[in-house]
C-alpha atoms as a PDB file:
ATOM      1  CA  MET A   1      -8.045  32.844  11.195  1.00  0.00           C
ATOM      2  CA  PHE A   2     -10.576  30.727  10.453  1.00  0.00           C
ATOM      3  CA  ILE A   3      -9.129  28.094   7.771  1.00  0.00           C
ATOM      4  CA  MET A   4      -6.133  27.572  10.211  1.00  0.00           C
ATOM      5  CA  LYS A   5      -8.793  27.013  12.541  1.00  0.00           C
ATOM      6  CA  TRP A   6     -10.642  24.220  10.664  1.00  0.00           C
ATOM      7  CA  THR A   7      -7.419  23.333   8.912  1.00  0.00           C
ATOM      8  CA  ARG A   8      -5.694  22.339  12.905  1.00  0.00           C
ATOM      9  CA  GLY A   9      -9.146  21.054  13.446  1.00  0.00           C
ATOM     10  CA  ILE A  10      -9.350  18.716  10.546  1.00  0.00           C
ATOM     11  CA  MET A  11      -5.098  17.752  10.996  1.00  0.00           C
ATOM     12  CA  VAL A  12      -6.107  16.716  14.391  1.00  0.00           C
ATOM     13  CA  PHE A  13      -9.631  15.020  12.868  1.00  0.00           C
ATOM     14  CA  LEU A  14      -6.269  12.763  11.032  1.00  0.00           C
ATOM     15  CA  ALA A  15      -3.878  11.940  13.375  1.00  0.00           C
ATOM     16  CA  ILE A  16      -6.859  10.263  15.891  1.00  0.00           C
ATOM     17  CA  LEU A  17      -7.885   8.369  12.498  1.00  0.00           C
ATOM     18  CA  VAL A  18      -4.433   7.201  11.288  1.00  0.00           C
ATOM     19  CA  LEU A  19      -3.118   6.612  14.594  1.00  0.00           C
ATOM     20  CA  ASN A  20      -6.200   5.328  16.696  1.00  0.00           C
ATOM     21  CA  LEU A  21      -4.765   7.591  19.126  1.00  0.00           C
ATOM     22  CA  ASP A  22      -7.112   7.744  22.895  1.00  0.00           C
ATOM     23  CA  MET A  23      -8.361  11.299  23.216  1.00  0.00           C
ATOM     24  CA  LYS A  24     -10.760  10.778  26.239  1.00  0.00           C
ATOM     25  CA  LEU A  25      -8.967  12.921  28.748  1.00  0.00           C
ATOM     26  CA  PHE A  26     -11.771  12.662  31.044  1.00  0.00           C
ATOM     27  CA  GLN A  27     -11.885   9.235  31.614  1.00  0.00           C
ATOM     28  CA  ALA A  28     -10.220   7.654  34.568  1.00  0.00           C
ATOM     29  CA  ASN A  29      -6.576   6.226  34.058  1.00  0.00           C
ATOM     30  CA  SER A  30      -5.231   3.619  36.404  1.00  0.00           C
ATOM     31  CA  ASN A  31      -2.240   4.960  36.579  1.00  0.00           C
ATOM     32  CA  SER A  32      -3.389   8.924  37.101  1.00  0.00           C
ATOM     33  CA  SER A  33      -6.631   9.893  37.155  1.00  0.00           C
ATOM     34  CA  THR A  34      -7.674   7.957  41.002  1.00  0.00           C
ATOM     35  CA  ILE A  35      -4.498   9.921  42.007  1.00  0.00           C
ATOM     36  CA  PHE A  36      -5.163  13.601  41.119  1.00  0.00           C
ATOM     37  CA  SER A  37      -9.043  12.885  42.603  1.00  0.00           C
ATOM     38  CA  MET A  38      -7.423  11.941  46.495  1.00  0.00           C
ATOM     39  CA  LYS A  39      -6.713  14.763  47.716  1.00  0.00           C
ATOM     40  CA  GLU A  40      -9.675  18.140  47.452  1.00  0.00           C
ATOM     41  CA  VAL A  41      -7.632  21.638  46.352  1.00  0.00           C
ATOM     42  CA  ARG A  42     -10.321  23.999  46.846  1.00  0.00           C
ATOM     43  CA  VAL A  43      -9.559  26.482  43.939  1.00  0.00           C
ATOM     44  CA  THR A  44      -9.951  30.403  44.296  1.00  0.00           C
ATOM     45  CA  LYS A  45     -11.130  32.717  41.422  1.00  0.00           C
ATOM     46  CA  LYS A  46      -7.207  33.822  40.664  1.00  0.00           C
ATOM     47  CA  ALA A  47      -6.664  30.041  40.399  1.00  0.00           C
ATOM     48  CA  HIS A  48      -9.415  28.333  37.955  1.00  0.00           C
ATOM     49  CA  LYS A  49      -8.490  31.282  35.575  1.00  0.00           C
ATOM     50  CA  ALA A  50      -5.270  30.601  35.352  1.00  0.00           C
ATOM     51  CA  LEU A  51      -5.699  27.011  35.369  1.00  0.00           C
ATOM     52  CA  LEU A  52      -8.346  28.093  32.161  1.00  0.00           C
ATOM     53  CA  LYS A  53      -5.341  29.928  30.234  1.00  0.00           C
ATOM     54  CA  SER A  54      -2.621  26.049  30.971  1.00  0.00           C
ATOM     55  CA  ILE A  55      -5.846  23.828  29.944  1.00  0.00           C
ATOM     56  CA  GLN A  56      -5.241  25.837  26.739  1.00  0.00           C
ATOM     57  CA  HIS A  57      -1.369  25.972  25.934  1.00  0.00           C
ATOM     58  CA  TRP A  58      -1.526  22.671  27.122  1.00  0.00           C
ATOM     59  CA  HIS A  59      -3.737  21.680  23.942  1.00  0.00           C
ATOM     60  CA  GLU A  60      -2.228  23.843  21.650  1.00  0.00           C
ATOM     61  CA  ASN A  61       1.295  22.167  23.110  1.00  0.00           C
ATOM     62  CA  LEU A  62      -0.616  19.068  21.783  1.00  0.00           C
ATOM     63  CA  ASP A  63      -1.885  20.165  18.959  1.00  0.00           C
ATOM     64  CA  MET A  64       1.891  21.245  17.735  1.00  0.00           C
ATOM     65  CA  LEU A  65       2.856  17.548  18.696  1.00  0.00           C
ATOM     66  CA  ILE A  66       0.341  15.443  16.200  1.00  0.00           C
ATOM     67  CA  LEU A  67       1.443  18.557  13.627  1.00  0.00           C
ATOM     68  CA  ASN A  68       5.096  17.873  13.668  1.00  0.00           C
ATOM     69  CA  TYR A  69       4.239  14.576  13.767  1.00  0.00           C
ATOM     70  CA  LEU A  70       1.988  14.332  11.127  1.00  0.00           C
ATOM     71  CA  SER A  71       3.860  16.641   8.483  1.00  0.00           C
ATOM     72  CA  GLY A  72       7.392  14.433   8.828  1.00  0.00           C
ATOM     73  CA  ASN A  73       9.222  17.201  11.292  1.00  0.00           C
ATOM     74  CA  GLU A  74      12.081  16.038  11.837  1.00  0.00           C
ATOM     75  CA  ASP A  75      11.994  17.739  15.970  1.00  0.00           C
ATOM     76  CA  LEU A  76       8.535  16.388  17.798  1.00  0.00           C
ATOM     77  CA  ILE A  77       9.126  19.072  20.178  1.00  0.00           C
ATOM     78  CA  GLU A  78       9.441  22.437  17.904  1.00  0.00           C
ATOM     79  CA  ASP A  79       7.383  25.378  19.277  1.00  0.00           C
ATOM     80  CA  VAL A  80       5.595  23.075  22.274  1.00  0.00           C
ATOM     81  CA  VAL A  81       6.267  25.055  24.950  1.00  0.00           C
ATOM     82  CA  CYS A  82       7.245  23.954  28.820  1.00  0.00           C
ATOM     83  CA  SER A  83       8.140  26.450  30.891  1.00  0.00           C
ATOM     84  CA  GLY A  84       7.590  28.033  34.347  1.00  0.00           C
ATOM     85  CA  ASP A  85       7.574  31.732  32.220  1.00  0.00           C
ATOM     86  CA  ASP A  86       4.919  29.885  29.432  1.00  0.00           C
ATOM     87  CA  CYS A  87       2.477  28.818  32.173  1.00  0.00           C
ATOM     88  CA  ALA A  88      -0.009  30.640  34.063  1.00  0.00           C
ATOM     89  CA  LEU A  89      -0.312  29.273  37.408  1.00  0.00           C
ATOM     90  CA  CYS A  90       3.233  30.040  38.070  1.00  0.00           C
ATOM     91  CA  THR A  91       2.877  33.731  36.409  1.00  0.00           C
ATOM     92  CA  ALA A  92       0.076  34.217  39.118  1.00  0.00           C
ATOM     93  CA  PHE A  93       0.683  32.602  41.759  1.00  0.00           C
ATOM     94  CA  ALA A  94       5.044  32.871  41.465  1.00  0.00           C
ATOM     95  CA  PRO A  95       7.852  33.064  42.859  1.00  0.00           C
ATOM     96  CA  SER A  96       6.659  30.878  45.548  1.00  0.00           C
ATOM     97  CA  CYS A  97       4.034  28.749  44.622  1.00  0.00           C
ATOM     98  CA  TYR A  98       1.482  30.449  47.523  1.00  0.00           C
ATOM     99  CA  LYS A  99      -1.883  29.571  46.767  1.00  0.00           C
ATOM    100  CA  CYS A 100      -1.237  27.209  44.173  1.00  0.00           C
ATOM    101  CA  PRO A 101      -3.835  24.907  43.639  1.00  0.00           C
ATOM    102  CA  ILE A 102      -0.871  22.557  42.015  1.00  0.00           C
ATOM    103  CA  CYS A 103       1.576  22.695  45.247  1.00  0.00           C
ATOM    104  CA  GLU A 104      -1.807  22.727  47.168  1.00  0.00           C
ATOM    105  CA  PHE A 105      -2.211  19.661  45.410  1.00  0.00           C
ATOM    106  CA  THR A 106       1.027  17.744  45.740  1.00  0.00           C
ATOM    107  CA  GLY A 107       2.621  19.726  49.103  1.00  0.00           C
ATOM    108  CA  ASP A 108       5.941  20.087  46.986  1.00  0.00           C
ATOM    109  CA  SER A 109       6.126  23.713  45.206  1.00  0.00           C
ATOM    110  CA  ASP A 110       7.626  22.975  40.823  1.00  0.00           C
ATOM    111  CA  CYS A 111       4.971  21.354  39.991  1.00  0.00           C
ATOM    112  CA  ILE A 112       6.912  18.901  41.161  1.00  0.00           C
ATOM    113  CA  GLY A 113       5.519  14.407  41.310  1.00  0.00           C
ATOM    114  CA  THR A 114       2.621  15.794  38.623  1.00  0.00           C
ATOM    115  CA  PRO A 115       3.036  14.709  34.695  1.00  0.00           C
ATOM    116  CA  TYR A 116       4.642  17.605  34.286  1.00  0.00           C
ATOM    117  CA  PHE A 117       7.463  17.037  36.150  1.00  0.00           C
ATOM    118  CA  TYR A 118       7.739  13.573  33.659  1.00  0.00           C
ATOM    119  CA  PHE A 119       6.762  15.547  31.137  1.00  0.00           C
ATOM    120  CA  VAL A 120      10.017  17.388  31.127  1.00  0.00           C
ATOM    121  CA  GLY A 121      11.874  14.652  31.820  1.00  0.00           C
ATOM    122  CA  LEU A 122      10.478  12.961  28.640  1.00  0.00           C
ATOM    123  CA  LEU A 123      11.509  16.131  27.209  1.00  0.00           C
ATOM    124  CA  HIS A 124      15.372  16.471  28.551  1.00  0.00           C
ATOM    125  CA  SER A 125      16.193  12.477  28.070  1.00  0.00           C
ATOM    126  CA  TYR A 126      14.929  13.328  24.065  1.00  0.00           C
ATOM    127  CA  LEU A 127      16.797  16.272  24.046  1.00  0.00           C
ATOM    128  CA  ASP A 128      20.672  15.306  25.653  1.00  0.00           C
ATOM    129  CA  SER A 129      20.198  12.053  23.586  1.00  0.00           C
ATOM    130  CA  GLY A 130      19.721  14.129  20.422  1.00  0.00           C
ATOM    131  CA  ALA A 131      17.715  12.181  19.383  1.00  0.00           C
ATOM    132  CA  HIS A 132      15.631  15.082  17.803  1.00  0.00           C
ATOM    133  CA  LEU A 133      18.719  15.122  15.883  1.00  0.00           C
ATOM    134  CA  ARG A 134      18.693  11.875  14.299  1.00  0.00           C
ATOM    135  CA  VAL A 135      16.724  11.285  11.311  1.00  0.00           C
ATOM    136  CA  GLU A 136      16.821   7.187  12.249  1.00  0.00           C
ATOM    137  CA  CYS A 137      15.322   7.753  15.337  1.00  0.00           C
ATOM    138  CA  ASP A 138      11.961   5.364  15.942  1.00  0.00           C
ATOM    139  CA  ARG A 139       9.399   8.951  16.030  1.00  0.00           C
ATOM    140  CA  ARG A 140       6.868   7.276  16.729  1.00  0.00           C
ATOM    141  CA  TYR A 141       7.846   6.040  20.094  1.00  0.00           C
ATOM    142  CA  ASN A 142       8.913   8.811  21.628  1.00  0.00           C
ATOM    143  CA  PHE A 143       5.544  10.806  19.620  1.00  0.00           C
ATOM    144  CA  GLU A 144       2.978   8.617  21.821  1.00  0.00           C
ATOM    145  CA  ARG A 145       5.425   8.993  24.700  1.00  0.00           C
ATOM    146  CA  PHE A 146       4.957  12.761  24.869  1.00  0.00           C
ATOM    147  CA  TYR A 147       1.560  12.634  23.718  1.00  0.00           C
ATOM    148  CA  GLU A 148       0.983  10.181  26.526  1.00  0.00           C
ATOM    149  CA  ALA A 149       1.939  12.825  29.420  1.00  0.00           C
ATOM    150  CA  ALA A 150       1.094  15.508  28.101  1.00  0.00           C
ATOM    151  CA  SER A 151      -2.695  14.091  27.882  1.00  0.00           C
ATOM    152  CA  GLN A 152      -1.998  13.202  31.583  1.00  0.00           C
ATOM    153  CA  GLU A 153      -0.365  16.705  32.336  1.00  0.00           C
ATOM    154  CA  LEU A 154      -4.012  17.920  31.142  1.00  0.00           C
ATOM    155  CA  GLU A 155      -5.786  15.208  32.377  1.00  0.00           C
ATOM    156  CA  PHE A 156      -4.461  16.222  35.409  1.00  0.00           C
ATOM    157  CA  LEU A 157      -5.023  19.734  35.154  1.00  0.00           C
ATOM    158  CA  TYR A 158      -8.661  19.414  34.589  1.00  0.00           C
ATOM    159  CA  SER A 159      -8.833  17.631  37.478  1.00  0.00           C
ATOM    160  CA  LEU A 160      -7.794  20.418  40.019  1.00  0.00           C
ATOM    161  CA  LEU A 161     -10.333  22.770  37.027  1.00  0.00           C
ATOM    162  CA  TYR A 162     -13.390  21.115  38.419  1.00  0.00           C
ATOM    163  CA  LYS A 163     -12.344  21.081  42.571  1.00  0.00           C
ATOM    164  CA  ASP A 164     -15.146  22.551  44.423  1.00  0.00           C
ATOM    165  CA  GLY A 165     -17.473  23.191  42.263  1.00  0.00           C
ATOM    166  CA  PHE A 166     -16.067  25.268  38.690  1.00  0.00           C
END
């Protein structure tokens, strides 16, 4: 177990060096963070716990994207999971999203208007185009798009986590 975590850490470190990725999830991004910090959301203890699990889940998704890219896996999104069934927030606040911090922030259910919605849109266009089946597809371009969308989702979740003093 320790060796697997250590190896994953080295792979992530190499990805940062090789691809010169910007891993500053907490810094303001002119397109996203300013929007996220405009509305106050009261985060309950239940929501706080679910947010922590969701953040861990999106860190795992980023790890899988990086490992798939570095290992040469033709399918970049293999083992990347992003459905309501796998979301701690969806599980905690289903079926109506009532009191979900994301729903309270956006005013919409189903994460409409969040980076998650953008990630899912990328995922569907990637799958519909058959890019995951084509060897000649531009892997780096697709990787960078997925990486950016997943990073923005993480940044968004962190912005909700640190509202209200948690």
